[in-house]
């Protein structure tokens, strides 16, 4: 009985409570949505938002690693989504010649998007994360705009001879039997719509697992030490730039995988889908959910994406109700006084439980 009590205490300890809440919340929301889909109690509008919602949750969780855990500010998360999305789309079109398995194609595309976005994150992070201040925010902001411009001038064709690439002008020489995958400013066309809500759920669970494994490791503790006091961390032999780069690359790579999930739910997509406004929106999800708070990030993302659509029927009052909900979310997730009160209630309940035993 004592061992069982210790296991229960460990599972719901203050250190692991947030982790278990994040996993429980994800599973609960997934099962709830699946139940509503099977019973037909979900609108087509909300159903169409489920895959983008999963993609935004993963990207916001990844951004929280940089902003909340590492203590840096990134404004180019949409750029990493774009790198992953378009590289994954090209990979899926090429792979479709050799297999009909949608699960395999989507998995390989996500892996390629993950790797490509991670490589770009590594290239950007090496010089920038050695500096102090808001240089990362400036560079990532510029990176997002550069990626959008580059993809708008990229032409990728596919035919029997393989993939053909050109830049600025369409000189790919794709055969008449082939097709254009990325057609400059027109973006992606004829894309395979193979993303599913279940794939999004699995990606969220993987992202949470990877993030919490990092946080519980010695590397995660080193990252948080660098965030709390850069000079003190450096004085005890912790390489600040190395560990901040680790967090940034992981965040970039997860955003790339989320970008693949997002773009593979559309038959066509233009580069402007991943613009500066999306990066700011993702940052809002993180801030409202609480820095370093993964369950809060999930709740904020779901609320801010779905609530405006759910309130669409209340056209006259929608823009009044929406700001009120935003204020409530901010108060609940970022109010120290409320958190202390909840902690006192938990202690009181725990003491009562001990007395009853």
Protein backbone atom coordinates (compact mmCIF):
# COMPACT_ATOMS: atom_id res chain seq x y z
CA UNK A 1 0.00 0.00 0.00
CA UNK A 2 2.89 2.32 0.83
CA UNK A 3 4.53 1.71 -2.55
CA UNK A 4 1.27 2.47 -4.34
CA UNK A 5 0.94 5.69 -2.36
CA UNK A 6 4.50 6.73 -3.28
CA UNK A 7 3.84 6.03 -6.99
CA UNK A 8 0.62 8.08 -6.83
CA UNK A 9 2.48 10.91 -5.07
CA UNK A 10 5.23 10.84 -7.71
CA UNK A 11 2.73 10.90 -10.58
CA UNK A 12 0.96 13.96 -9.21
CA UNK A 13 3.93 15.75 -7.70
CA UNK A 14 4.26 19.46 -8.38
CA UNK A 15 7.20 18.77 -10.70
CA UNK A 16 5.26 16.37 -12.95
CA UNK A 17 1.72 17.73 -12.59
CA UNK A 18 2.01 20.06 -15.58
CA UNK A 19 3.43 17.28 -17.77
CA UNK A 20 0.60 14.86 -16.97
CA UNK A 21 -1.98 17.61 -17.40
CA UNK A 22 -0.66 18.36 -20.90
CA UNK A 23 -0.92 14.71 -21.99
CA UNK A 24 -4.30 14.21 -20.32
CA UNK A 25 -5.69 17.38 -21.89
CA UNK A 26 -4.53 16.35 -25.37
CA UNK A 27 -6.02 12.86 -25.09
CA UNK A 28 -9.27 14.20 -23.62
CA UNK A 29 -9.75 16.78 -26.39
CA UNK A 30 -8.96 14.17 -29.07
CA UNK A 31 -11.49 11.68 -27.69
CA UNK A 32 -14.10 14.42 -27.26
CA UNK A 33 -13.73 15.56 -30.87
CA UNK A 34 -13.78 11.99 -32.18
CA UNK A 35 -17.00 11.34 -30.22
CA UNK A 36 -18.62 14.45 -31.68
CA UNK A 37 -17.52 13.48 -35.19
CA UNK A 38 -19.02 9.99 -34.85
CA UNK A 39 -22.29 11.36 -33.49
CA UNK A 40 -22.40 14.08 -36.15
CA UNK A 41 -22.44 16.88 -33.56
CA UNK A 42 -19.68 18.95 -35.12
CA UNK A 43 -20.02 21.58 -37.83
CA UNK A 44 -18.13 21.29 -41.10
CA UNK A 45 -16.43 24.60 -40.33
CA UNK A 46 -14.95 23.37 -37.05
CA UNK A 47 -14.10 20.03 -38.65
CA UNK A 48 -12.09 21.84 -41.31
CA UNK A 49 -10.11 23.68 -38.62
CA UNK A 50 -9.00 20.57 -36.74
CA UNK A 51 -5.82 19.85 -38.75
CA UNK A 52 -4.65 23.51 -38.79
CA UNK A 53 -5.41 23.58 -35.04
CA UNK A 54 -3.11 20.58 -34.43
CA UNK A 55 -0.42 22.22 -36.54
CA UNK A 56 -0.67 25.49 -34.60
CA UNK A 57 -0.56 23.65 -31.26
CA UNK A 58 2.68 21.86 -32.20
CA UNK A 59 4.25 25.08 -33.52
CA UNK A 60 3.19 27.06 -30.43
CA UNK A 61 4.59 24.35 -28.13
CA UNK A 62 7.84 24.47 -30.11
CA UNK A 63 7.95 28.27 -29.84
CA UNK A 64 7.44 28.00 -26.08
CA UNK A 65 10.70 26.03 -25.90
CA UNK A 66 12.55 29.09 -27.22
CA UNK A 67 10.51 31.86 -25.56
CA UNK A 68 9.48 30.20 -22.30
CA UNK A 69 12.25 27.67 -21.61
CA UNK A 70 15.28 29.22 -23.30
CA UNK A 71 14.31 32.84 -22.66
CA UNK A 72 14.90 34.07 -26.21
CA UNK A 73 12.45 35.84 -28.53
CA UNK A 74 11.80 34.36 -31.99
CA UNK A 75 9.58 36.06 -34.57
CA UNK A 76 10.20 33.71 -37.48
CA UNK A 77 8.32 30.56 -36.49
CA UNK A 78 6.14 30.84 -39.61
CA UNK A 79 9.34 30.82 -41.70
CA UNK A 80 10.36 27.45 -40.28
CA UNK A 81 6.84 26.15 -40.88
CA UNK A 82 7.19 27.28 -44.49
CA UNK A 83 10.56 25.54 -44.96
CA UNK A 84 9.16 22.29 -43.59
CA UNK A 85 5.85 22.60 -45.44
CA UNK A 86 7.18 23.13 -48.96
CA UNK A 87 10.11 20.70 -48.63
CA UNK A 88 7.68 18.09 -47.27
CA UNK A 89 5.23 18.75 -50.11
CA UNK A 90 7.96 18.24 -52.74
CA UNK A 91 9.07 15.04 -50.99
CA UNK A 92 5.51 13.68 -50.85
CA UNK A 93 4.95 14.36 -54.57
CA UNK A 94 8.17 12.53 -55.44
CA UNK A 95 7.47 9.63 -53.07
CA UNK A 96 3.92 9.17 -54.41
CA UNK A 97 5.47 7.68 -57.58
CA UNK A 98 6.71 4.69 -55.60
CA UNK A 99 4.03 3.98 -52.99
CA UNK A 100 0.30 4.46 -52.42
CA UNK A 101 0.56 4.36 -48.62
CA UNK A 102 -0.65 7.73 -47.38
CA UNK A 103 0.64 7.03 -43.87
CA UNK A 104 4.14 6.31 -45.18
CA UNK A 105 4.15 9.35 -47.47
CA UNK A 106 2.98 11.69 -44.68
CA UNK A 107 5.48 10.23 -42.19
CA UNK A 108 8.44 10.58 -44.56
CA UNK A 109 7.33 14.10 -45.55
CA UNK A 110 7.16 15.12 -41.87
CA UNK A 111 10.61 13.68 -41.20
CA UNK A 112 12.05 15.61 -44.16
CA UNK A 113 10.26 18.80 -43.07
CA UNK A 114 11.61 18.25 -39.53
CA UNK A 115 15.18 17.83 -40.78
CA UNK A 116 15.11 20.72 -43.27
CA UNK A 117 13.67 23.21 -40.77
CA UNK A 118 16.18 21.99 -38.16
CA UNK A 119 19.07 22.59 -40.58
CA UNK A 120 17.91 26.16 -41.26
CA UNK A 121 17.48 26.71 -37.51
CA UNK A 122 21.03 25.48 -36.94
CA UNK A 123 22.45 27.76 -39.66
CA UNK A 124 20.66 30.82 -38.24
CA UNK A 125 21.29 30.01 -34.59
CA UNK A 126 25.08 29.48 -34.78
CA UNK A 127 26.06 33.14 -35.23
CA UNK A 128 23.05 34.79 -33.55
CA UNK A 129 22.79 32.86 -30.28
CA UNK A 130 26.37 33.76 -29.37
CA UNK A 131 25.19 37.35 -28.92
CA UNK A 132 23.14 38.87 -26.11
CA UNK A 133 19.97 40.92 -26.55
CA UNK A 134 17.14 40.75 -29.06
CA UNK A 135 19.26 39.88 -32.10
CA UNK A 136 17.46 36.55 -32.50
CA UNK A 137 14.11 38.32 -32.82
CA UNK A 138 15.47 40.63 -35.53
CA UNK A 139 17.17 37.84 -37.50
CA UNK A 140 14.22 35.42 -37.32
CA UNK A 141 11.84 38.19 -38.37
CA UNK A 142 14.02 38.82 -41.44
CA UNK A 143 14.33 35.07 -42.04
CA UNK A 144 10.55 34.66 -42.22
CA UNK A 145 10.27 37.40 -44.82
CA UNK A 146 13.21 36.02 -46.84
CA UNK A 147 11.73 32.50 -46.92
CA UNK A 148 8.40 33.86 -48.15
CA UNK A 149 10.17 35.76 -50.95
CA UNK A 150 12.37 32.79 -51.91
CA UNK A 151 9.45 30.35 -52.13
CA UNK A 152 7.50 32.91 -54.18
CA UNK A 153 10.31 32.77 -56.76
CA UNK A 154 10.86 29.01 -56.67
CA UNK A 155 9.74 26.63 -59.44
CA UNK A 156 9.75 22.86 -58.91
CA UNK A 157 8.54 20.39 -61.55
CA UNK A 158 8.24 16.61 -61.55
CA UNK A 159 8.21 14.22 -64.52
CA UNK A 160 9.64 10.84 -65.53
CA UNK A 161 13.17 12.25 -65.40
CA UNK A 162 12.75 13.31 -61.75
CA UNK A 163 12.59 16.68 -60.00
CA UNK A 164 13.48 19.93 -61.78
CA UNK A 165 14.30 23.18 -59.99
CA UNK A 166 14.65 26.78 -61.15
CA UNK A 167 14.61 30.20 -59.55
CA UNK A 168 12.98 33.54 -60.52
CA UNK A 169 11.84 32.20 -63.92
CA UNK A 170 10.34 28.85 -64.88
CA UNK A 171 13.20 27.12 -66.72
CA UNK A 172 12.56 23.69 -65.22
CA UNK A 173 11.86 22.13 -68.64
CA UNK A 174 9.24 19.82 -67.16
CA UNK A 175 7.87 17.38 -69.75
CA UNK A 176 4.20 17.69 -70.84
CA UNK A 177 3.50 14.43 -69.03
CA UNK A 178 4.84 15.90 -65.79
CA UNK A 179 3.46 18.61 -63.51
CA UNK A 180 4.55 21.66 -61.57
CA UNK A 181 4.67 21.16 -57.80
CA UNK A 182 5.64 24.71 -56.83
CA UNK A 183 4.87 27.34 -59.42
CA UNK A 184 6.44 30.56 -58.17
CA UNK A 185 3.97 33.13 -56.74
CA UNK A 186 1.09 30.73 -57.48
CA UNK A 187 2.60 28.41 -54.88
CA UNK A 188 1.74 24.77 -54.42
CA UNK A 189 -0.86 23.12 -56.66
CA UNK A 190 -2.24 19.61 -57.08
CA UNK A 191 -1.10 18.75 -53.57
CA UNK A 192 -2.04 15.46 -51.89
CA UNK A 193 -4.52 16.00 -49.04
CA UNK A 194 -3.33 13.23 -46.76
CA UNK A 195 -3.20 14.95 -43.36
CA UNK A 196 -5.67 13.67 -40.79
CA UNK A 197 -6.79 14.76 -37.34
CA UNK A 198 -5.35 11.54 -35.89
CA UNK A 199 -1.97 12.33 -37.47
CA UNK A 200 -2.18 15.76 -35.84
CA UNK A 201 -2.94 14.19 -32.46
CA UNK A 202 0.04 11.83 -32.78
CA UNK A 203 2.32 14.74 -33.72
CA UNK A 204 1.18 16.73 -30.66
CA UNK A 205 1.88 13.73 -28.40
CA UNK A 206 5.34 13.28 -29.96
CA UNK A 207 6.08 17.00 -29.54
CA UNK A 208 5.04 16.91 -25.87
CA UNK A 209 7.11 13.77 -25.26
CA UNK A 210 10.23 15.28 -26.88
CA UNK A 211 9.84 18.63 -25.10
CA UNK A 212 9.32 17.11 -21.64
CA UNK A 213 12.17 14.63 -22.18
CA UNK A 214 14.39 17.62 -22.91
CA UNK A 215 13.14 19.54 -19.86
CA UNK A 216 13.75 16.58 -17.53
CA UNK A 217 17.27 15.95 -18.86
CA UNK A 218 20.50 17.63 -17.77
CA UNK A 219 20.47 19.53 -21.08
CA UNK A 220 17.07 20.97 -20.20
CA UNK A 221 18.29 22.07 -16.78
CA UNK A 222 21.30 23.68 -18.46
CA UNK A 223 19.01 25.55 -20.88
CA UNK A 224 16.94 26.91 -17.98
CA UNK A 225 20.11 27.84 -16.09
CA UNK A 226 21.25 29.86 -19.12
CA UNK A 227 17.85 31.56 -19.19
CA UNK A 228 17.87 32.45 -15.50
CA UNK A 229 21.43 33.77 -15.33
CA UNK A 230 23.68 33.69 -18.38
CA UNK A 231 26.81 34.82 -16.50
CA UNK A 232 26.38 32.35 -13.62
CA UNK A 233 25.75 29.47 -16.04
CA UNK A 234 28.85 30.37 -18.03
CA UNK A 235 30.95 30.62 -14.86
CA UNK A 236 30.25 26.97 -13.94
CA UNK A 237 31.27 25.68 -17.38
CA UNK A 238 27.91 25.62 -19.19
CA UNK A 239 28.21 26.57 -22.86
CA UNK A 240 25.39 29.11 -23.15
CA UNK A 241 25.39 29.32 -26.95
CA UNK A 242 25.43 25.50 -27.28
CA UNK A 243 22.37 24.89 -25.11
CA UNK A 244 20.41 27.83 -26.46
CA UNK A 245 21.16 26.55 -29.97
CA UNK A 246 19.89 23.10 -28.95
CA UNK A 247 16.54 24.58 -27.86
CA UNK A 248 16.29 26.74 -30.97
CA UNK A 249 17.03 23.88 -33.40
CA UNK A 250 14.46 21.63 -31.70
CA UNK A 251 11.86 24.40 -31.89
CA UNK A 252 12.61 25.02 -35.58
CA UNK A 253 12.47 21.32 -36.45
CA UNK A 254 9.12 20.76 -34.71
CA UNK A 255 7.72 23.80 -36.52
CA UNK A 256 8.86 22.25 -39.82
CA UNK A 257 7.02 18.98 -39.07
CA UNK A 258 3.91 20.98 -38.11
CA UNK A 259 4.19 22.88 -41.40
CA UNK A 260 4.04 19.60 -43.33
CA UNK A 261 0.91 18.54 -41.40
CA UNK A 262 -0.66 21.91 -42.18
CA UNK A 263 0.10 22.11 -45.89
CA UNK A 264 -0.81 18.48 -46.60
CA UNK A 265 -4.41 19.32 -45.67
CA UNK A 266 -4.78 21.67 -48.65
CA UNK A 267 -4.86 20.95 -52.38
CA UNK A 268 -3.11 24.26 -53.02
CA UNK A 269 -1.23 26.80 -50.92
CA UNK A 270 0.64 30.05 -51.48
CA UNK A 271 3.80 31.18 -49.65
CA UNK A 272 1.92 34.12 -48.09
CA UNK A 273 0.09 31.65 -45.81
CA UNK A 274 3.27 31.64 -43.70
CA UNK A 275 3.74 35.36 -43.21
CA UNK A 276 4.75 37.65 -40.34
CA UNK A 277 1.18 37.78 -39.00
CA UNK A 278 1.21 34.01 -38.38
CA UNK A 279 4.44 34.31 -36.38
CA UNK A 280 2.88 37.02 -34.21
CA UNK A 281 -0.29 34.95 -33.76
CA UNK A 282 1.78 31.98 -32.57
CA UNK A 283 3.61 34.24 -30.13
CA UNK A 284 0.24 35.42 -28.78
CA UNK A 285 -0.74 31.78 -28.15
CA UNK A 286 2.45 31.28 -26.13
CA UNK A 287 2.15 34.50 -24.12
CA UNK A 288 -1.52 34.00 -23.28
CA UNK A 289 -0.92 30.37 -22.36
CA UNK A 290 1.97 31.28 -20.09
CA UNK A 291 5.72 31.17 -20.74
CA UNK A 292 6.97 27.62 -20.19
CA UNK A 293 3.41 26.41 -19.59
CA UNK A 294 2.64 23.68 -22.15
CA UNK A 295 -0.96 22.90 -21.03
CA UNK A 296 -1.67 26.64 -21.03
CA UNK A 297 -0.33 26.91 -24.58
CA UNK A 298 -2.67 24.14 -25.73
CA UNK A 299 -5.68 25.78 -24.06
CA UNK A 300 -4.83 29.23 -25.43
CA UNK A 301 -4.34 27.91 -28.99
CA UNK A 302 -7.61 25.96 -28.97
CA UNK A 303 -9.51 28.88 -27.46
CA UNK A 304 -8.16 31.61 -29.73
CA UNK A 305 -8.61 29.57 -32.90
CA UNK A 306 -12.01 27.99 -32.27
CA UNK A 307 -13.87 30.55 -30.14
CA UNK A 308 -14.14 33.22 -32.90
CA UNK A 309 -15.70 30.59 -35.20
CA UNK A 310 -18.03 29.27 -32.49
CA UNK A 311 -19.22 32.81 -31.78
CA UNK A 312 -19.83 33.60 -35.46
CA UNK A 313 -23.58 33.08 -34.99
CA UNK A 314 -23.58 35.95 -32.47
CA UNK A 315 -22.58 38.51 -35.07
CA UNK A 316 -23.72 41.52 -33.04
CA UNK A 317 -21.92 40.52 -29.86
CA UNK A 318 -19.03 38.41 -31.16
CA UNK A 319 -16.37 41.14 -31.05
CA UNK A 320 -17.48 42.08 -27.53
CA UNK A 321 -17.40 38.52 -26.15
CA UNK A 322 -14.06 37.64 -27.78
CA UNK A 323 -11.96 40.31 -25.95
CA UNK A 324 -13.60 39.37 -22.64
CA UNK A 325 -12.57 35.73 -23.18
CA UNK A 326 -9.01 36.83 -24.02
CA UNK A 327 -8.81 38.84 -20.79
CA UNK A 328 -10.10 35.88 -18.75
CA UNK A 329 -7.54 33.53 -20.35
CA UNK A 330 -4.75 36.01 -19.58
CA UNK A 331 -5.86 36.35 -15.95
CA UNK A 332 -6.21 32.62 -15.40
CA UNK A 333 -2.89 31.61 -16.97
CA UNK A 334 -0.65 34.49 -15.84
CA UNK A 335 -2.04 35.61 -12.47
CA UNK A 336 0.38 34.73 -9.60
CA UNK A 337 -2.27 35.54 -6.96
CA UNK A 338 -4.73 33.09 -8.51
CA UNK A 339 -2.00 30.45 -8.80
CA UNK A 340 -1.15 30.88 -5.11
CA UNK A 341 -4.82 30.53 -4.15
CA UNK A 342 -5.11 27.33 -6.18
CA UNK A 343 -1.93 26.01 -4.53
CA UNK A 344 -3.42 26.74 -1.09
CA UNK A 345 -6.62 24.89 -2.03
CA UNK A 346 -4.57 21.88 -3.20
CA UNK A 347 -2.61 21.86 0.07
CA UNK A 348 -5.81 22.07 2.09
CA UNK A 349 -7.35 19.17 0.17
CA UNK A 350 -4.17 17.13 0.54
CA UNK A 351 -4.07 17.71 4.29
CA UNK A 352 -7.68 16.63 4.60
CA UNK A 353 -6.85 13.50 2.65
CA UNK A 354 -3.98 12.72 5.05
CA UNK A 355 -6.22 13.18 8.10
CA UNK A 356 -8.84 10.85 6.67
CA UNK A 357 -6.19 8.17 6.18
